[in-house]
Amino acid sequence: MLDKVTDNWLGATELHRIDGFALGERSTMSSRIDGLTGRQRAVMSLLADGLVNKQIAHELDISVATVKVHIARAVERMQAKNRIHAVAMFVRDETVRGANPAYPKRAA
């Protein structure tokens, strides 16, 4: 009995969610990420690759303070809770764009 209830509940949930996103959530998230500047996108990409602020600063030839500002502004524009959440949103969006030909890839 519990299995039937669970299966029905999961089935109903899947109708409203696709690939872990609520319907419409992808486009909202993508539009937030599209609002990032090129430099903010570069910083987020390096964060997603696992680099720390000092490494990002060296890679982009900017100061650590500037890296922190780019991260803070990106988090704000993406309406993320923190930098970890912003990186997760960024990675998920890039993954969706890479795996789904319906979503155009951004210029680097």
N, C-alpha and C. Protein backbone atom coordinates (compact mmCIF):
# COMPACT_ATOMS: atom_id res chain seq x y z
N MET A 1 0.83 -1.19 0.00
CA MET A 1 0.00 0.00 0.00
C MET A 1 0.88 1.26 0.00
N LEU A 2 1.87 1.29 0.88
CA LEU A 2 2.75 2.45 0.96
C LEU A 2 3.50 2.63 -0.36
N ASP A 3 3.88 1.51 -1.01
CA ASP A 3 4.57 1.61 -2.29
C ASP A 3 3.69 2.27 -3.35
N LYS A 4 2.40 1.95 -3.36
CA LYS A 4 1.48 2.56 -4.32
C LYS A 4 1.36 4.06 -4.08
N VAL A 5 1.26 4.44 -2.82
CA VAL A 5 1.15 5.85 -2.49
C VAL A 5 2.42 6.58 -2.91
N THR A 6 3.57 5.98 -2.61
CA THR A 6 4.84 6.58 -2.99
C THR A 6 4.96 6.68 -4.50
N ASP A 7 4.61 5.61 -5.22
CA ASP A 7 4.68 5.64 -6.68
C ASP A 7 3.77 6.70 -7.26
N ASN A 8 2.55 6.81 -6.73
CA ASN A 8 1.62 7.82 -7.22
C ASN A 8 2.14 9.22 -6.94
N TRP A 9 2.68 9.41 -5.74
CA TRP A 9 3.20 10.72 -5.39
C TRP A 9 4.38 11.08 -6.28
N LEU A 10 5.30 10.13 -6.48
CA LEU A 10 6.45 10.39 -7.34
C LEU A 10 6.02 10.63 -8.78
N GLY A 11 5.03 9.89 -9.24
CA GLY A 11 4.51 10.09 -10.59
C GLY A 11 3.93 11.48 -10.76
N ALA A 12 3.20 11.94 -9.78
CA ALA A 12 2.62 13.29 -9.84
C ALA A 12 3.71 14.34 -9.81
N THR A 13 4.72 14.08 -9.02
CA THR A 13 5.83 15.04 -8.94
C THR A 13 6.55 15.14 -10.27
N GLU A 14 6.74 14.01 -10.94
CA GLU A 14 7.46 14.02 -12.20
C GLU A 14 6.70 14.79 -13.27
N LEU A 15 5.38 14.88 -13.16
CA LEU A 15 4.62 15.67 -14.11
C LEU A 15 4.97 17.15 -14.03
N HIS A 16 5.36 17.59 -12.85
CA HIS A 16 5.64 19.00 -12.63
C HIS A 16 7.12 19.32 -12.60
N ARG A 17 7.95 18.29 -12.67
CA ARG A 17 9.39 18.51 -12.62
C ARG A 17 10.04 17.74 -13.76
N ILE A 18 11.03 18.34 -14.35
CA ILE A 18 11.78 17.69 -15.40
C ILE A 18 13.25 17.85 -15.08
N ASP A 19 13.97 16.73 -15.05
CA ASP A 19 15.41 16.77 -14.76
C ASP A 19 15.73 17.51 -13.47
N GLY A 20 14.89 17.42 -12.47
CA GLY A 20 15.17 18.05 -11.19
C GLY A 20 14.79 19.52 -11.12
N PHE A 21 14.25 20.07 -12.18
CA PHE A 21 13.85 21.47 -12.20
C PHE A 21 12.34 21.56 -12.25
N ALA A 22 11.78 22.50 -11.52
CA ALA A 22 10.36 22.78 -11.68
C ALA A 22 10.19 23.40 -13.04
N LEU A 23 9.04 23.17 -13.67
CA LEU A 23 8.79 23.76 -14.97
C LEU A 23 8.93 25.28 -14.88
N GLY A 24 9.61 25.87 -15.79
CA GLY A 24 9.84 27.31 -15.78
C GLY A 24 11.07 27.72 -15.00
N GLU A 25 11.55 26.83 -14.13
CA GLU A 25 12.71 27.15 -13.30
C GLU A 25 13.98 27.27 -14.15
N ARG A 26 14.08 26.44 -15.18
CA ARG A 26 15.25 26.48 -16.05
C ARG A 26 15.38 27.83 -16.73
N SER A 27 14.30 28.30 -17.31
CA SER A 27 14.38 29.56 -18.05
C SER A 27 14.69 30.72 -17.10
N THR A 28 14.13 30.69 -15.90
CA THR A 28 14.42 31.74 -14.93
C THR A 28 15.89 31.71 -14.54
N MET A 29 16.39 30.52 -14.26
CA MET A 29 17.78 30.37 -13.87
C MET A 29 18.69 30.79 -15.03
N SER A 30 18.38 30.37 -16.23
CA SER A 30 19.19 30.74 -17.38
C SER A 30 19.19 32.24 -17.61
N SER A 31 18.05 32.87 -17.42
CA SER A 31 18.01 34.33 -17.63
C SER A 31 18.84 35.04 -16.57
N ARG A 32 18.86 34.53 -15.36
CA ARG A 32 19.71 35.11 -14.33
C ARG A 32 21.18 34.97 -14.69
N ILE A 33 21.55 33.82 -15.19
CA ILE A 33 22.94 33.58 -15.56
C ILE A 33 23.30 34.38 -16.81
N ASP A 34 22.36 34.54 -17.73
CA ASP A 34 22.61 35.36 -18.91
C ASP A 34 22.89 36.80 -18.54
N GLY A 35 22.43 37.23 -17.38
CA GLY A 35 22.66 38.60 -16.92
C GLY A 35 24.06 38.86 -16.38
N LEU A 36 24.87 37.81 -16.28
CA LEU A 36 26.24 37.98 -15.79
C LEU A 36 27.12 38.63 -16.86
N THR A 37 28.07 39.42 -16.40
CA THR A 37 29.05 39.97 -17.34
C THR A 37 30.01 38.87 -17.75
N GLY A 38 30.78 39.12 -18.77
CA GLY A 38 31.76 38.13 -19.23
C GLY A 38 32.77 37.78 -18.15
N ARG A 39 33.20 38.78 -17.41
CA ARG A 39 34.19 38.54 -16.35
C ARG A 39 33.56 37.75 -15.20
N GLN A 40 32.31 38.07 -14.85
CA GLN A 40 31.62 37.31 -13.79
C GLN A 40 31.45 35.87 -14.22
N ARG A 41 31.14 35.66 -15.49
CA ARG A 41 30.98 34.30 -16.01
C ARG A 41 32.32 33.55 -15.95
N ALA A 42 33.41 34.24 -16.29
CA ALA A 42 34.74 33.61 -16.24
C ALA A 42 35.09 33.22 -14.81
N VAL A 43 34.81 34.11 -13.86
CA VAL A 43 35.09 33.82 -12.45
C VAL A 43 34.25 32.64 -11.98
N MET A 44 32.98 32.63 -12.34
CA MET A 44 32.11 31.52 -11.93
C MET A 44 32.57 30.20 -12.54
N SER A 45 33.03 30.25 -13.76
CA SER A 45 33.53 29.04 -14.42
C SER A 45 34.77 28.50 -13.71
N LEU A 46 35.68 29.39 -13.33
CA LEU A 46 36.87 28.96 -12.62
C LEU A 46 36.53 28.45 -11.22
N LEU A 47 35.54 29.08 -10.58
CA LEU A 47 35.06 28.58 -9.28
C LEU A 47 34.51 27.17 -9.45
N ALA A 48 33.74 26.97 -10.52
CA ALA A 48 33.16 25.66 -10.79
C ALA A 48 34.24 24.61 -11.05
N ASP A 49 35.38 25.06 -11.58
CA ASP A 49 36.50 24.14 -11.81
C ASP A 49 37.26 23.82 -10.54
N GLY A 50 36.90 24.50 -9.43
CA GLY A 50 37.50 24.19 -8.14
C GLY A 50 38.63 25.11 -7.72
N LEU A 51 38.86 26.18 -8.46
CA LEU A 51 39.92 27.12 -8.09
C LEU A 51 39.47 27.99 -6.92
N VAL A 52 40.43 28.40 -6.10
CA VAL A 52 40.14 29.31 -5.00
C VAL A 52 40.40 30.74 -5.48
N ASN A 53 39.99 31.71 -4.69
CA ASN A 53 40.07 33.11 -5.09
C ASN A 53 41.46 33.51 -5.57
N LYS A 54 42.50 33.12 -4.85
CA LYS A 54 43.87 33.50 -5.21
C LYS A 54 44.26 32.91 -6.57
N GLN A 55 43.87 31.68 -6.82
CA GLN A 55 44.18 31.04 -8.10
C GLN A 55 43.43 31.72 -9.24
N ILE A 56 42.17 32.08 -8.99
CA ILE A 56 41.38 32.79 -10.00
C ILE A 56 42.01 34.14 -10.31
N ALA A 57 42.44 34.84 -9.26
CA ALA A 57 43.09 36.14 -9.45
C ALA A 57 44.33 35.99 -10.33
N HIS A 58 45.14 34.99 -10.06
CA HIS A 58 46.35 34.75 -10.84
C HIS A 58 45.99 34.41 -12.29
N GLU A 59 45.01 33.53 -12.45
CA GLU A 59 44.59 33.08 -13.79
C GLU A 59 44.07 34.25 -14.64
N LEU A 60 43.32 35.16 -14.03
CA LEU A 60 42.71 36.27 -14.77
C LEU A 60 43.54 37.56 -14.68
N ASP A 61 44.65 37.51 -13.97
CA ASP A 61 45.53 38.66 -13.78
C ASP A 61 44.78 39.86 -13.18
N ILE A 62 44.06 39.58 -12.10
CA ILE A 62 43.36 40.60 -11.34
C ILE A 62 43.64 40.38 -9.87
N SER A 63 43.24 41.31 -9.01
CA SER A 63 43.49 41.14 -7.58
C SER A 63 42.47 40.20 -6.95
N VAL A 64 42.83 39.68 -5.80
CA VAL A 64 41.91 38.82 -5.04
C VAL A 64 40.67 39.61 -4.64
N ALA A 65 40.85 40.88 -4.30
CA ALA A 65 39.71 41.73 -3.93
C ALA A 65 38.74 41.86 -5.10
N THR A 66 39.27 41.98 -6.31
CA THR A 66 38.42 42.08 -7.50
C THR A 66 37.67 40.78 -7.74
N VAL A 67 38.33 39.66 -7.52
CA VAL A 67 37.66 38.36 -7.64
C VAL A 67 36.49 38.30 -6.67
N LYS A 68 36.71 38.73 -5.44
CA LYS A 68 35.64 38.71 -4.44
C LYS A 68 34.47 39.59 -4.85
N VAL A 69 34.77 40.74 -5.46
CA VAL A 69 33.71 41.63 -5.93
C VAL A 69 32.92 40.96 -7.06
N HIS A 70 33.62 40.35 -8.01
CA HIS A 70 32.94 39.66 -9.11
C HIS A 70 32.04 38.54 -8.58
N ILE A 71 32.53 37.80 -7.61
CA ILE A 71 31.72 36.71 -7.03
C ILE A 71 30.50 37.28 -6.33
N ALA A 72 30.69 38.32 -5.54
CA ALA A 72 29.57 38.92 -4.81
C ALA A 72 28.51 39.45 -5.77
N ARG A 73 28.94 40.12 -6.84
CA ARG A 73 27.98 40.66 -7.81
C ARG A 73 27.28 39.54 -8.57
N ALA A 74 28.01 38.48 -8.90
CA ALA A 74 27.41 37.34 -9.59
C ALA A 74 26.36 36.67 -8.72
N VAL A 75 26.68 36.47 -7.44
CA VAL A 75 25.73 35.87 -6.50
C VAL A 75 24.47 36.74 -6.42
N GLU A 76 24.68 38.04 -6.37
CA GLU A 76 23.57 38.98 -6.30
C GLU A 76 22.71 38.92 -7.57
N ARG A 77 23.34 38.97 -8.73
CA ARG A 77 22.60 38.93 -10.01
C ARG A 77 21.86 37.61 -10.21
N MET A 78 22.46 36.53 -9.74
CA MET A 78 21.84 35.23 -9.90
C MET A 78 20.78 34.97 -8.84
N GLN A 79 20.70 35.87 -7.87
CA GLN A 79 19.78 35.73 -6.75
C GLN A 79 20.01 34.41 -6.02
N ALA A 80 21.28 34.08 -5.87
CA ALA A 80 21.67 32.85 -5.18
C ALA A 80 21.80 33.14 -3.68
N LYS A 81 21.77 32.09 -2.89
CA LYS A 81 21.87 32.25 -1.44
C LYS A 81 23.30 32.54 -1.02
N ASN A 82 24.26 31.96 -1.73
CA ASN A 82 25.69 32.14 -1.42
C ASN A 82 26.50 31.69 -2.63
N ARG A 83 27.81 31.74 -2.52
CA ARG A 83 28.64 31.40 -3.67
C ARG A 83 28.53 29.93 -4.06
N ILE A 84 28.33 29.06 -3.10
CA ILE A 84 28.16 27.64 -3.40
C ILE A 84 26.90 27.42 -4.23
N HIS A 85 25.82 28.07 -3.80
CA HIS A 85 24.56 27.97 -4.53
C HIS A 85 24.72 28.54 -5.94
N ALA A 86 25.41 29.65 -6.07
CA ALA A 86 25.63 30.27 -7.38
C ALA A 86 26.43 29.34 -8.30
N VAL A 87 27.46 28.70 -7.77
CA VAL A 87 28.25 27.77 -8.57
C VAL A 87 27.39 26.58 -8.99
N ALA A 88 26.58 26.07 -8.09
CA ALA A 88 25.70 24.94 -8.43
C ALA A 88 24.73 25.34 -9.54
N MET A 89 24.17 26.54 -9.45
CA MET A 89 23.26 27.03 -10.49
C MET A 89 24.00 27.15 -11.82
N PHE A 90 25.21 27.70 -11.76
CA PHE A 90 26.01 27.90 -12.96
C PHE A 90 26.34 26.56 -13.63
N VAL A 91 26.79 25.61 -12.85
CA VAL A 91 27.16 24.29 -13.38
C VAL A 91 25.94 23.59 -13.96
N ARG A 92 24.84 23.65 -13.25
CA ARG A 92 23.63 22.99 -13.73
C ARG A 92 23.17 23.62 -15.04
N ASP A 93 23.22 24.93 -15.14
CA ASP A 93 22.81 25.61 -16.37
C ASP A 93 23.73 25.23 -17.53
N GLU A 94 25.03 25.20 -17.28
CA GLU A 94 25.97 24.82 -18.33
C GLU A 94 25.76 23.38 -18.76
N THR A 95 25.44 22.51 -17.81
CA THR A 95 25.19 21.11 -18.12
C THR A 95 23.93 20.97 -18.97
N VAL A 96 22.89 21.69 -18.60
CA VAL A 96 21.63 21.64 -19.35
C VAL A 96 21.86 22.16 -20.76
N ARG A 97 22.57 23.27 -20.88
CA ARG A 97 22.85 23.83 -22.21
C ARG A 97 23.70 22.89 -23.04
N GLY A 98 24.65 22.21 -22.41
CA GLY A 98 25.51 21.30 -23.15
C GLY A 98 24.80 20.03 -23.58
N ALA A 99 23.84 19.58 -22.78
CA ALA A 99 23.17 18.31 -23.06
C ALA A 99 21.90 18.48 -23.89
N ASN A 100 21.39 19.70 -23.98
CA ASN A 100 20.11 19.91 -24.65
C ASN A 100 20.30 20.87 -25.82
N PRO A 101 20.17 20.37 -27.05
CA PRO A 101 20.37 21.24 -28.22
C PRO A 101 19.32 22.35 -28.33
N ALA A 102 18.23 22.25 -27.59
CA ALA A 102 17.20 23.29 -27.63
C ALA A 102 17.67 24.55 -26.93
N TYR A 103 18.63 24.42 -26.03
CA TYR A 103 19.16 25.58 -25.33
C TYR A 103 20.43 26.04 -26.02
N PRO A 104 20.46 27.28 -26.48
CA PRO A 104 21.67 27.74 -27.17
C PRO A 104 22.84 27.86 -26.22
N LYS A 105 24.02 27.52 -26.70
CA LYS A 105 25.22 27.67 -25.89
C LYS A 105 25.67 29.12 -25.94
N ARG A 106 26.20 29.58 -24.82
CA ARG A 106 26.68 30.97 -24.75
C ARG A 106 28.07 31.07 -25.35
N ALA A 107 28.37 32.22 -25.88
CA ALA A 107 29.73 32.49 -26.33
C ALA A 107 30.61 32.63 -25.11
N ALA A 108 31.81 32.14 -25.19
CA ALA A 108 32.72 32.17 -24.03
C ALA A 108 33.25 33.55 -23.75
